[in-house]
Amino acid sequence: MIISSLQLQNIRTHEVFTHELSPYVTLITGSNGSGKTSIIEAMMIALQGTSFKGTDTEILRHESEWWRIDIRSDDHERTIKFDPSKSSGKKQFSIDSKISYRLASAYKYPVVLFEPDDLRLLHGSPSRRRQFIDRFLSQLDSEYAQALRKYERALKQRNALLKRQFVTIDDMFVWDIAIGEYGAEIIDKRVQCIEALNGDIADTYNTIAQSNDTVSIHYSHTSIDHTKQKLINELHGRFERDKLLGFTSVGPHRHDVEFRFNGKSALSVASRGEVRSIVLALKFLEVDIIERLTNQRPIILLDDVFGELDGQRQTHLATKFKNKQIIMTSASSTALLEGAMVIALD
């Protein structure tokens, strides 16, 4: 799919934003606070069904009663509307005149989002690294996305029980089983995903960095088999401690992803430039894997990230994403890629 036009109404700072988009590169420029990221956010909602920054209510422009996103391609139209006064309380998707309250997997279009926080992926919190893997897997596997939602619901219920004054281990049984079942699926698929990335990340990194280093990714929790039962046993064993803490201390929501550089923790030994090349390699692999498994060219969303890369990495990025639709933002036009359409918000 090539998006030909985009319209936003009452999205964050935008009362109305309407513009044609280039089938190749669209560069959106403007100062901080001008609403550049909101346009990228709206694209994610339209193509993937959810925001990467906030809730439906948070996206609503101040004192507005509703918001709306419209995207068009040559043979496709979709509209997303949110009106908190409606009885459903949910946003509504209209795709080629078909109405739903959740974007079905069949209508999700692959997207690769690259934002400044991604460049700090290795130095950020474990939740940031989990989010990277979860977002990537959810695009490729609808069952994974469903398991993640069910796990989060079960975890919320278990944590609520742990905060009660009188609670027994038997009260936890149904939620421990649910967390064990969905948690095992999450763990197993995360491990498989990381193994797939490990197959190519070193070669991809060395192509970018023009080096001969070794780069690898490791999941903090590796379970060969019986993952579900092991997780349930962990939950039972930590019950008294969790009751004191008031939250669940074990499970995939506590796991981490470690990056190693030449056999050592990348956090300890990799330079700032080497870390950025590792992240760039991850994004390149994300594009390759999505394209191979979905047989679709993902739309590339670059949110104010181009200027944070040096000339060599900018060149690699521009070359890798060539022949794909790119919507990118920048505080200035210095990030201009060849043949880009420029939209100035100021």
Protein backbone atom coordinates (compact mmCIF):
# COMPACT_ATOMS: atom_id res chain seq x y z
CA MET A 1 0.00 0.00 0.00
CA ILE A 2 1.19 3.50 -0.89
CA ILE A 3 -0.57 6.24 1.08
CA SER A 4 -1.44 9.14 -1.19
CA SER A 5 -3.09 11.51 1.31
CA LEU A 6 -3.57 12.04 5.03
CA GLN A 7 -6.05 14.14 6.98
CA LEU A 8 -6.10 14.70 10.75
CA GLN A 9 -8.80 16.45 12.72
CA ASN A 10 -8.43 17.35 16.41
CA ILE A 11 -5.33 15.23 16.87
CA ARG A 12 -3.20 16.74 19.66
CA THR A 13 -2.15 20.24 18.42
CA HIS A 14 -3.72 19.80 14.96
CA GLU A 15 -7.21 21.20 14.49
CA VAL A 16 -7.00 20.20 10.83
CA PHE A 17 -4.04 18.86 8.88
CA THR A 18 -4.56 17.78 5.27
CA HIS A 19 -1.84 16.94 2.79
CA GLU A 20 -0.88 14.77 -0.15
CA LEU A 21 2.03 12.40 0.51
CA SER A 22 4.86 11.35 -1.77
CA PRO A 23 4.99 7.68 -2.80
CA TYR A 24 8.71 7.90 -1.96
CA VAL A 25 9.82 10.38 0.72
CA THR A 26 7.74 12.94 2.58
CA LEU A 27 9.69 15.21 4.95
CA ILE A 28 7.68 17.06 7.60
CA THR A 29 9.62 19.97 9.11
CA GLY A 30 8.80 22.25 12.00
CA SER A 31 10.00 23.42 15.40
CA ASN A 32 9.50 21.45 18.60
CA GLY A 33 5.83 21.48 19.57
CA SER A 34 4.58 22.06 16.02
CA GLY A 35 2.98 18.59 15.87
CA LYS A 36 5.43 16.60 13.75
CA THR A 37 5.36 13.51 15.94
CA SER A 38 1.55 13.65 16.11
CA ILE A 39 1.46 13.01 12.36
CA ILE A 40 3.69 9.94 12.74
CA GLU A 41 1.52 8.82 15.68
CA ALA A 42 -1.64 9.16 13.58
CA MET A 43 -0.06 7.05 10.82
CA MET A 44 0.65 4.29 13.35
CA ILE A 45 -2.94 4.37 14.60
CA ALA A 46 -4.29 4.19 11.06
CA LEU A 47 -2.00 1.35 9.96
CA GLN A 48 -1.50 -0.65 13.18
CA GLY A 49 -4.54 0.29 15.26
CA THR A 50 -2.79 1.75 18.31
CA SER A 51 -0.60 4.70 19.27
CA PHE A 52 3.00 4.34 20.40
CA LYS A 53 2.69 7.41 22.66
CA GLY A 54 -0.68 7.74 24.39
CA THR A 55 -4.27 6.68 24.91
CA ASP A 56 -7.19 7.59 22.66
CA THR A 57 -8.26 10.28 25.15
CA GLU A 58 -4.77 11.77 25.44
CA ILE A 59 -4.61 12.20 21.66
CA LEU A 60 -7.77 14.34 21.66
CA ARG A 61 -7.05 18.01 21.02
CA HIS A 62 -7.75 20.27 24.02
CA GLU A 63 -11.43 21.12 24.36
CA SER A 64 -12.36 19.11 21.24
CA GLU A 65 -15.19 16.57 21.37
CA TRP A 66 -13.80 14.01 18.90
CA TRP A 67 -10.83 13.20 16.68
CA ARG A 68 -10.57 11.66 13.24
CA ILE A 69 -7.85 10.26 10.93
CA ASP A 70 -8.36 9.64 7.19
CA ILE A 71 -5.83 7.98 4.90
CA ARG A 72 -6.19 7.25 1.21
CA SER A 73 -4.35 5.17 -1.35
CA ASP A 74 -5.19 4.51 -5.02
CA ASP A 75 -7.61 1.70 -4.17
CA HIS A 76 -8.12 1.93 -0.43
CA GLU A 77 -9.71 4.24 2.14
CA ARG A 78 -9.74 4.06 5.91
CA THR A 79 -11.12 6.35 8.58
CA ILE A 80 -10.52 6.15 12.32
CA LYS A 81 -12.83 8.13 14.61
CA PHE A 82 -12.92 8.56 18.37
CA ASP A 83 -15.77 10.24 20.23
CA PRO A 84 -15.70 9.64 24.00
CA SER A 85 -19.36 10.64 24.27
CA LYS A 86 -20.41 7.56 22.28
CA SER A 87 -21.74 4.61 24.27
CA SER A 88 -19.00 2.24 23.04
CA GLY A 89 -16.24 4.49 24.39
CA LYS A 90 -13.96 3.05 21.71
CA LYS A 91 -12.45 4.34 18.51
CA GLN A 92 -14.14 3.20 15.32
CA PHE A 93 -12.38 1.92 12.21
CA SER A 94 -14.01 2.26 8.81
CA ILE A 95 -12.05 0.41 6.14
CA ASP A 96 -13.46 0.43 2.63
CA SER A 97 -16.88 1.04 4.29
CA LYS A 98 -16.53 -1.88 6.75
CA ILE A 99 -16.97 -0.78 10.39
CA SER A 100 -15.20 -2.30 13.41
CA TYR A 101 -13.98 -1.29 16.88
CA ARG A 102 -10.62 -2.99 16.59
CA LEU A 103 -8.28 -3.10 13.64
CA ALA A 104 -8.31 -6.73 12.53
CA SER A 105 -4.99 -8.38 11.67
CA ALA A 106 -6.03 -8.65 8.03
CA TYR A 107 -6.22 -4.84 7.84
CA LYS A 108 -3.03 -4.02 9.68
CA TYR A 109 -0.30 -2.83 7.36
CA PRO A 110 3.37 -3.37 8.31
CA VAL A 111 5.19 -0.33 9.62
CA VAL A 112 8.77 0.19 10.79
CA LEU A 113 8.95 3.07 13.26
CA PHE A 114 12.32 4.62 14.07
CA GLU A 115 12.30 7.28 16.79
CA PRO A 116 15.05 8.95 18.87
CA ASP A 117 14.42 6.70 21.89
CA ASP A 118 15.34 3.73 19.70
CA LEU A 119 18.89 5.06 19.50
CA ARG A 120 19.00 4.76 23.29
CA LEU A 121 17.54 1.25 23.22
CA LEU A 122 20.61 -0.41 24.72
CA HIS A 123 20.96 2.18 27.52
CA GLY A 124 17.24 2.48 28.24
CA SER A 125 15.12 0.50 30.67
CA PRO A 126 14.34 -3.22 30.23
CA SER A 127 10.73 -2.25 29.45
CA ARG A 128 11.95 -0.33 26.41
CA ARG A 129 13.76 -3.40 25.07
CA ARG A 130 10.78 -5.64 25.78
CA GLN A 131 8.57 -3.14 23.97
CA PHE A 132 10.84 -3.29 20.90
CA ILE A 133 10.55 -7.09 20.70
CA ASP A 134 6.81 -7.08 21.50
CA ARG A 135 5.96 -4.45 18.88
CA PHE A 136 8.02 -6.29 16.26
CA LEU A 137 6.46 -9.69 17.03
CA SER A 138 2.92 -8.31 17.24
CA GLN A 139 3.14 -7.10 13.64
CA LEU A 140 4.14 -10.55 12.45
CA ASP A 141 2.02 -12.79 14.70
CA SER A 142 -1.56 -11.92 15.65
CA GLU A 143 -1.59 -14.80 18.15
CA TYR A 144 1.38 -13.23 19.94
CA ALA A 145 -0.41 -9.88 20.16
CA GLN A 146 -3.47 -11.65 21.58
CA ALA A 147 -1.37 -13.58 24.13
CA LEU A 148 0.24 -10.31 25.20
CA ARG A 149 -3.14 -8.66 25.81
CA LYS A 150 -4.45 -11.67 27.77
CA TYR A 151 -1.25 -11.85 29.82
CA GLU A 152 -1.50 -8.15 30.75
CA ARG A 153 -5.13 -8.59 31.82
CA ALA A 154 -4.29 -11.63 33.99
CA LEU A 155 -1.30 -9.80 35.48
CA LYS A 156 -3.49 -6.83 36.37
CA GLN A 157 -5.98 -9.11 38.13
CA ARG A 158 -3.25 -10.94 40.06
CA ASN A 159 -1.65 -7.67 41.17
CA ALA A 160 -5.02 -6.36 42.35
CA LEU A 161 -5.50 -9.47 44.50
CA LEU A 162 -2.00 -9.14 45.97
CA LYS A 163 -2.93 -5.71 47.33
CA ARG A 164 -5.83 -7.10 49.35
CA GLN A 165 -5.35 -7.50 53.09
CA PHE A 166 -6.50 -11.11 53.21
CA VAL A 167 -5.47 -13.23 50.25
CA THR A 168 -4.34 -16.84 50.02
CA ILE A 169 -2.33 -18.75 47.47
CA ASP A 170 -5.53 -20.53 46.43
CA ASP A 171 -7.01 -17.16 45.42
CA MET A 172 -4.16 -16.88 42.92
CA PHE A 173 -4.74 -20.23 41.23
CA VAL A 174 -6.79 -19.13 38.21
CA TRP A 175 -4.52 -16.14 37.52
CA ASP A 176 -1.33 -18.16 37.98
CA ILE A 177 -2.60 -20.63 35.39
CA ALA A 178 -3.46 -17.81 32.97
CA ILE A 179 -0.12 -16.05 33.47
CA GLY A 180 1.66 -19.39 33.04
CA GLU A 181 -0.16 -20.19 29.80
CA TYR A 182 0.13 -16.80 28.09
CA GLY A 183 3.51 -16.05 29.65
CA ALA A 184 4.97 -19.28 28.27
CA GLU A 185 3.80 -18.37 24.78
CA ILE A 186 5.35 -14.91 25.10
CA ILE A 187 8.67 -16.26 26.40
CA ASP A 188 8.95 -18.98 23.74
CA LYS A 189 8.21 -16.61 20.88
CA ARG A 190 10.54 -13.92 22.19
CA VAL A 191 13.33 -16.50 22.33
CA GLN A 192 12.57 -17.61 18.75
CA CYS A 193 12.54 -13.99 17.57
CA ILE A 194 15.89 -13.23 19.17
CA GLU A 195 17.39 -16.38 17.67
CA ALA A 196 16.20 -15.24 14.23
CA LEU A 197 17.73 -11.78 14.73
CA ASN A 198 20.98 -13.35 15.93
CA GLY A 199 21.35 -15.17 12.63
CA ASP A 200 22.04 -11.93 10.75
CA ILE A 201 22.75 -9.10 13.17
CA ALA A 202 26.55 -9.44 13.17
CA ASP A 203 26.80 -9.38 9.36
CA THR A 204 24.34 -6.51 9.11
CA TYR A 205 26.21 -4.53 11.77
CA ASN A 206 29.58 -5.08 10.08
CA THR A 207 28.17 -3.91 6.74
CA ILE A 208 27.11 -0.64 8.39
CA ALA A 209 30.21 -0.15 10.56
CA GLN A 210 32.73 -1.53 8.04
CA SER A 211 34.25 -3.62 10.82
CA ASN A 212 34.75 -7.23 11.84
CA ASP A 213 33.11 -7.22 15.27
CA THR A 214 30.82 -9.80 16.83
CA VAL A 215 27.35 -8.67 17.92
CA SER A 216 24.74 -10.88 19.55
CA ILE A 217 21.42 -10.61 21.40
CA HIS A 218 20.42 -12.68 24.43
CA TYR A 219 17.13 -13.09 26.30
CA SER A 220 17.40 -13.00 30.08
CA HIS A 221 15.17 -16.05 30.52
CA THR A 222 15.86 -19.13 28.42
CA SER A 223 13.65 -22.16 28.94
CA ILE A 224 14.16 -25.21 26.77
CA ASP A 225 10.86 -26.88 27.63
CA HIS A 226 8.00 -26.98 30.16
CA THR A 227 7.99 -23.17 30.21
CA LYS A 228 4.40 -22.96 31.41
CA GLN A 229 4.86 -25.24 34.42
CA LYS A 230 8.15 -23.61 35.38
CA LEU A 231 6.50 -20.19 35.34
CA ILE A 232 3.57 -21.41 37.44
CA ASN A 233 6.04 -22.92 39.94
CA GLU A 234 7.88 -19.58 40.10
CA LEU A 235 4.63 -17.73 40.77
CA HIS A 236 3.71 -20.15 43.57
CA GLY A 237 7.21 -19.94 45.06
CA ARG A 238 7.14 -16.14 45.11
CA PHE A 239 3.63 -15.78 46.52
CA GLU A 240 4.61 -14.63 50.02
CA ARG A 241 7.19 -12.21 48.65
CA ASP A 242 4.76 -10.87 46.04
CA LYS A 243 2.13 -10.37 48.76
CA LEU A 244 4.57 -8.18 50.69
CA LEU A 245 5.58 -6.29 47.56
CA GLY A 246 2.03 -5.90 46.29
CA PHE A 247 2.90 -6.93 42.73
CA THR A 248 3.99 -9.94 40.66
CA SER A 249 7.79 -10.15 40.64
CA VAL A 250 8.30 -12.93 38.07
CA GLY A 251 7.21 -13.43 34.49
CA PRO A 252 7.96 -12.04 31.02
CA HIS A 253 6.97 -8.52 32.16
CA ARG A 254 10.20 -8.58 34.23
CA HIS A 255 12.54 -10.01 31.59
CA ASP A 256 15.24 -8.20 29.65
CA VAL A 257 17.15 -8.36 26.38
CA GLU A 258 20.95 -8.11 26.52
CA PHE A 259 23.24 -7.01 23.69
CA ARG A 260 26.82 -8.26 23.59
CA PHE A 261 29.66 -6.69 21.64
CA ASN A 262 32.78 -8.79 21.04
CA GLY A 263 31.66 -11.13 23.81
CA LYS A 264 31.08 -8.45 26.44
CA SER A 265 28.08 -6.39 27.47
CA ALA A 266 27.56 -3.73 24.81
CA LEU A 267 26.55 -1.31 27.55
CA SER A 268 30.06 -1.58 29.02
CA VAL A 269 32.29 -1.62 25.96
CA ALA A 270 30.48 -0.26 22.86
CA SER A 271 31.01 3.38 21.91
CA ARG A 272 28.13 5.73 21.15
CA GLY A 273 28.68 5.24 17.42
CA GLU A 274 28.86 1.45 17.77
CA VAL A 275 25.61 1.42 19.76
CA ARG A 276 23.91 3.46 17.03
CA SER A 277 25.15 1.03 14.39
CA ILE A 278 23.73 -1.88 16.42
CA VAL A 279 20.32 -0.17 16.60
CA LEU A 280 20.45 0.65 12.89
CA ALA A 281 21.25 -3.00 12.16
CA LEU A 282 18.19 -4.02 14.20
CA LYS A 283 15.97 -1.70 12.18
CA PHE A 284 17.36 -3.04 8.92
CA LEU A 285 16.65 -6.60 10.04
CA GLU A 286 13.16 -5.56 11.10
CA VAL A 287 12.50 -4.32 7.57
CA ASP A 288 13.96 -7.47 5.99
CA ILE A 289 12.04 -9.91 8.21
CA ILE A 290 8.72 -8.07 7.88
CA GLU A 291 9.10 -7.91 4.10
CA ARG A 292 10.04 -11.58 3.85
CA LEU A 293 7.28 -12.90 6.10
CA THR A 294 4.43 -10.61 4.98
CA ASN A 295 5.44 -10.21 1.32
CA GLN A 296 4.67 -6.49 1.76
CA ARG A 297 6.95 -3.48 1.76
CA PRO A 298 6.61 -1.84 5.18
CA ILE A 299 5.97 1.88 5.38
CA ILE A 300 8.93 3.57 7.06
CA LEU A 301 8.23 6.19 9.74
CA LEU A 302 11.29 8.17 10.84
CA ASP A 303 10.50 10.53 13.69
CA ASP A 304 13.24 13.16 14.06
CA VAL A 305 15.95 10.53 13.93
CA PHE A 306 17.83 11.27 10.69
CA GLY A 307 19.73 14.23 12.11
CA GLU A 308 20.98 12.13 15.04
CA LEU A 309 22.95 9.90 12.66
CA ASP A 310 26.29 10.85 11.14
CA GLY A 311 26.77 11.04 7.38
CA GLN A 312 27.84 7.41 6.95
CA ARG A 313 24.85 6.05 8.84
CA GLN A 314 22.50 8.47 7.07
CA THR A 315 23.74 7.08 3.76
CA HIS A 316 23.19 3.47 4.88
CA LEU A 317 19.69 4.32 6.06
CA ALA A 318 18.75 6.12 2.84
CA THR A 319 20.11 3.25 0.75
CA LYS A 320 18.39 0.54 2.79
CA PHE A 321 14.98 2.23 2.72
CA LYS A 322 15.16 3.13 -0.96
CA ASN A 323 12.05 2.12 -2.97
CA LYS A 324 9.88 2.17 0.16
CA GLN A 325 7.46 4.89 1.21
CA ILE A 326 9.08 7.01 3.91
CA ILE A 327 7.35 9.60 6.07
CA MET A 328 9.93 11.40 8.17
CA THR A 329 10.09 14.40 10.48
CA SER A 330 12.89 16.82 11.26
CA ALA A 331 13.32 20.18 12.97
CA SER A 332 14.93 21.45 9.75
CA SER A 333 15.19 20.62 6.07
CA THR A 334 18.83 19.53 6.47
CA ALA A 335 17.55 15.94 6.71
CA LEU A 336 16.26 16.21 3.13
CA LEU A 337 16.52 12.97 1.17
CA GLU A 338 16.75 12.98 -2.59
CA GLY A 339 13.41 13.66 -4.27
CA ALA A 340 11.57 14.34 -0.99
CA MET A 341 8.30 16.23 -0.78
CA VAL A 342 8.61 18.83 2.00
CA ILE A 343 5.75 19.84 4.30
CA ALA A 344 6.56 22.80 6.57
CA LEU A 345 4.40 23.10 9.69
CA ASP A 346 5.71 26.52 10.78
